[in-house]
Amino acid sequence: MTDVRKELARDLEEQFAVVRTHADWPDPWPDRQVPDEAYSRVTEPERWLIGRDRGEAWARALVTVGLAARSDEAEGIRLVPGAPGALTMLLVPHPAALEVRAGDPPVAALEVDCYCDACDSGSSDFLREIDDAVWHVIEGGFVRIDLGGAAITTHRDGWSSSGVLGHGETERLIADARVGRSRYPVVSGTAWW
């Protein structure tokens, strides 16, 4: 991990300790034996506000280490990196989530997911998803390809797609987008440092 990454990771945890309003919770279904009734309920919805807190900690840390300028907007926190070619990031808090968007206009790097009791896998997993999305954008790895009726979005641990794609086509499309050879609209950027 480079010095910038180490400094950012350390500052993130320091900022999180300051802004945090909710405690961690364990995975309620470590064996994934989920009762049917858990799919239709959300107990303790306020615990998900920990995502909003994590977004605030990320914003503060990115500004503190000098990687971005911050503006608070009606939709969320806009972070504009100083590095040429890096993507702007928008952190959009929701009552039960934090959405991470990248680019201008912004596209989803982490979308709002289901937060019913059945889908809950604990706070550690929830915070890791947020962190992975933010790291992916600021490290310059994020790619979104708009294929018209389909789209491909990369994640720190792979990719996801919507719409119909041909077998084996996705990796080629991502590789082409990463080297600037895509014939489709692409949102991608460089690292923030």
Protein backbone atom coordinates (compact mmCIF):
# COMPACT_ATOMS: atom_id res chain seq x y z
CA MET A 1 0.00 0.00 0.00
CA THR A 2 1.45 3.37 -0.99
CA ASP A 3 1.94 6.12 1.58
CA VAL A 4 -1.13 7.96 0.25
CA ARG A 5 -3.28 4.86 0.64
CA LYS A 6 -1.95 4.20 4.14
CA GLU A 7 -2.53 7.81 5.17
CA LEU A 8 -6.02 7.77 3.68
CA ALA A 9 -6.95 4.47 5.33
CA ARG A 10 -5.72 5.75 8.70
CA ASP A 11 -7.53 9.08 8.35
CA LEU A 12 -10.74 7.31 7.24
CA GLU A 13 -10.85 5.33 10.47
CA GLU A 14 -10.06 8.43 12.55
CA GLN A 15 -12.84 10.40 10.85
CA PHE A 16 -15.26 7.49 11.20
CA ALA A 17 -14.62 7.37 14.94
CA VAL A 18 -15.58 11.07 15.12
CA VAL A 19 -18.78 11.00 13.01
CA ARG A 20 -20.07 7.53 13.80
CA THR A 21 -23.54 7.42 15.38
CA HIS A 22 -24.32 3.67 15.29
CA ALA A 23 -22.60 0.55 16.56
CA ASP A 24 -21.51 -2.50 14.60
CA TRP A 25 -23.77 -5.54 14.49
CA PRO A 26 -22.99 -9.16 13.64
CA ASP A 27 -24.27 -11.12 10.66
CA PRO A 28 -27.67 -12.33 11.89
CA TRP A 29 -27.54 -15.33 9.54
CA PRO A 30 -23.94 -16.63 9.58
CA ASP A 31 -25.18 -20.00 8.35
CA ARG A 32 -27.54 -18.25 5.83
CA GLN A 33 -30.53 -20.16 7.26
CA VAL A 34 -32.97 -17.27 6.77
CA PRO A 35 -36.64 -17.63 7.78
CA ASP A 36 -39.18 -16.56 5.14
CA GLU A 37 -40.65 -13.80 7.32
CA ALA A 38 -37.27 -12.02 7.41
CA TYR A 39 -37.71 -11.04 3.75
CA SER A 40 -40.64 -8.75 4.50
CA ARG A 41 -39.32 -6.81 7.47
CA VAL A 42 -36.67 -4.30 8.45
CA THR A 43 -36.02 -4.25 12.18
CA GLU A 44 -33.88 -1.44 13.56
CA PRO A 45 -33.79 0.55 10.30
CA GLU A 46 -31.78 3.28 12.03
CA ARG A 47 -28.72 1.01 12.20
CA TRP A 48 -28.30 1.42 8.43
CA LEU A 49 -27.47 5.10 9.03
CA ILE A 50 -23.96 3.81 9.67
CA GLY A 51 -23.62 4.01 5.86
CA ARG A 52 -24.28 7.75 5.92
CA ASP A 53 -21.65 8.05 8.64
CA ARG A 54 -19.13 6.09 6.56
CA GLY A 55 -19.77 8.38 3.60
CA GLU A 56 -19.15 11.44 5.76
CA ALA A 57 -15.92 9.88 7.06
CA TRP A 58 -14.77 9.18 3.49
CA ALA A 59 -15.51 12.76 2.44
CA ARG A 60 -13.61 14.21 5.39
CA ALA A 61 -10.65 11.88 4.88
CA LEU A 62 -10.35 12.59 1.16
CA VAL A 63 -10.35 16.33 1.84
CA THR A 64 -7.99 16.08 4.83
CA VAL A 65 -5.31 14.18 2.88
CA GLY A 66 -5.64 16.69 0.03
CA LEU A 67 -7.11 14.41 -2.65
CA ALA A 68 -10.41 16.23 -3.21
CA ALA A 69 -12.43 19.39 -2.76
CA ARG A 70 -15.85 18.96 -1.18
CA SER A 71 -19.18 20.59 -1.90
CA ASP A 72 -22.37 19.72 -0.04
CA GLU A 73 -25.29 19.65 -2.45
CA ALA A 74 -28.97 18.83 -2.15
CA GLU A 75 -28.35 15.36 -3.56
CA GLY A 76 -25.28 14.53 -1.50
CA ILE A 77 -21.58 15.20 -1.03
CA ARG A 78 -19.69 15.96 -4.24
CA LEU A 79 -15.96 15.24 -4.14
CA VAL A 80 -13.85 16.68 -6.94
CA PRO A 81 -10.35 15.21 -7.19
CA GLY A 82 -7.35 17.36 -8.03
CA ALA A 83 -5.67 14.70 -10.19
CA PRO A 84 -6.13 15.15 -13.95
CA GLY A 85 -8.43 12.52 -15.47
CA ALA A 86 -9.81 11.35 -12.11
CA LEU A 87 -13.58 10.93 -11.75
CA THR A 88 -15.70 13.16 -9.57
CA MET A 89 -17.52 11.18 -6.89
CA LEU A 90 -20.96 11.81 -5.41
CA LEU A 91 -21.91 10.20 -2.08
CA VAL A 92 -25.70 10.06 -1.83
CA PRO A 93 -27.10 9.17 1.60
CA HIS A 94 -30.41 7.31 1.82
CA PRO A 95 -32.31 6.28 4.95
CA ALA A 96 -31.05 2.72 4.59
CA ALA A 97 -27.96 3.05 2.43
CA LEU A 98 -25.20 5.09 0.88
CA GLU A 99 -25.08 5.28 -2.90
CA VAL A 100 -21.68 5.93 -4.50
CA ARG A 101 -21.70 7.56 -7.94
CA ALA A 102 -18.79 8.40 -10.22
CA GLY A 103 -18.29 10.72 -13.18
CA ASP A 104 -20.06 13.79 -14.47
CA PRO A 105 -22.92 13.20 -14.96
CA PRO A 106 -22.62 10.60 -12.21
CA VAL A 107 -23.35 6.90 -12.72
CA ALA A 108 -23.77 4.31 -9.97
CA ALA A 109 -20.62 2.69 -8.61
CA LEU A 110 -22.61 1.29 -5.67
CA GLU A 111 -26.38 1.26 -5.92
CA VAL A 112 -28.94 1.17 -3.15
CA ASP A 113 -29.59 -2.47 -2.33
CA CYS A 114 -32.19 -4.34 -0.33
CA TYR A 115 -31.79 -3.89 3.40
CA CYS A 116 -34.50 -6.20 4.66
CA ASP A 117 -33.59 -8.44 7.58
CA ALA A 118 -33.03 -11.41 5.28
CA CYS A 119 -30.44 -9.58 3.18
CA ASP A 120 -28.57 -8.26 6.22
CA SER A 121 -25.10 -9.76 6.48
CA GLY A 122 -23.85 -7.54 9.30
CA SER A 123 -22.23 -4.13 9.52
CA SER A 124 -18.75 -5.33 8.56
CA ASP A 125 -19.99 -6.58 5.20
CA PHE A 126 -22.07 -3.42 4.65
CA LEU A 127 -19.12 -1.12 5.36
CA ARG A 128 -16.81 -3.25 3.19
CA GLU A 129 -19.18 -2.80 0.23
CA ILE A 130 -19.06 0.99 0.66
CA ASP A 131 -15.29 1.02 1.08
CA ASP A 132 -14.74 -1.23 -1.94
CA ALA A 133 -16.84 1.08 -4.13
CA VAL A 134 -15.01 4.21 -2.98
CA TRP A 135 -11.56 2.63 -3.28
CA HIS A 136 -12.44 1.36 -6.77
CA VAL A 137 -13.28 4.89 -7.93
CA ILE A 138 -10.35 6.68 -6.29
CA GLU A 139 -7.82 4.04 -7.39
CA GLY A 140 -8.90 4.59 -11.00
CA GLY A 141 -10.33 1.11 -11.53
CA PHE A 142 -13.99 2.02 -12.04
CA VAL A 143 -15.42 1.48 -15.54
CA ARG A 144 -19.01 1.73 -16.72
CA ILE A 145 -19.87 0.92 -20.32
CA ASP A 146 -23.25 1.99 -21.69
CA LEU A 147 -24.26 -0.49 -24.38
CA GLY A 148 -27.64 1.05 -25.10
CA GLY A 149 -29.95 -1.72 -23.92
CA ALA A 150 -27.31 -3.09 -21.55
CA ALA A 151 -24.54 -1.82 -19.30
CA ILE A 152 -21.41 -3.20 -17.67
CA THR A 153 -20.08 -1.83 -14.38
CA THR A 154 -16.81 -2.96 -12.84
CA HIS A 155 -16.41 -3.47 -9.11
CA ARG A 156 -13.32 -3.97 -7.03
CA ASP A 157 -13.87 -7.74 -7.14
CA GLY A 158 -15.25 -8.16 -10.66
CA TRP A 159 -18.12 -6.76 -12.69
CA SER A 160 -21.89 -6.78 -13.04
CA SER A 161 -24.12 -6.23 -16.04
CA SER A 162 -27.66 -5.44 -16.94
CA GLY A 163 -29.32 -6.40 -20.19
CA VAL A 164 -28.34 -9.14 -22.60
CA LEU A 165 -24.69 -9.66 -23.51
CA GLY A 166 -23.06 -12.28 -25.69
CA HIS A 167 -21.12 -15.13 -24.05
CA GLY A 168 -17.55 -14.09 -23.25
CA GLU A 169 -18.12 -10.58 -24.53
CA THR A 170 -17.89 -8.77 -21.20
CA GLU A 171 -14.15 -9.16 -20.53
CA ARG A 172 -13.31 -7.97 -24.06
CA LEU A 173 -15.59 -4.93 -23.70
CA ILE A 174 -14.01 -4.02 -20.34
CA ALA A 175 -10.47 -4.47 -21.71
CA ASP A 176 -11.29 -2.26 -24.72
CA ALA A 177 -12.79 0.40 -22.45
CA ARG A 178 -9.74 0.42 -20.16
CA VAL A 179 -7.40 1.17 -23.08
CA GLY A 180 -9.68 3.71 -24.76
CA ARG A 181 -10.81 1.50 -27.66
CA SER A 182 -14.48 1.16 -26.79
CA ARG A 183 -17.04 2.07 -29.42
CA TYR A 184 -19.56 2.65 -26.61
CA PRO A 185 -19.87 5.51 -24.13
CA VAL A 186 -17.56 4.81 -21.18
CA VAL A 187 -17.16 6.38 -17.75
CA SER A 188 -13.67 5.72 -16.35
CA GLY A 189 -10.87 7.70 -14.81
CA THR A 190 -7.42 7.71 -13.33
CA ALA A 191 -6.32 7.42 -9.70
CA TRP A 192 -6.86 10.41 -7.43
CA TRP A 193 -3.14 10.70 -6.61
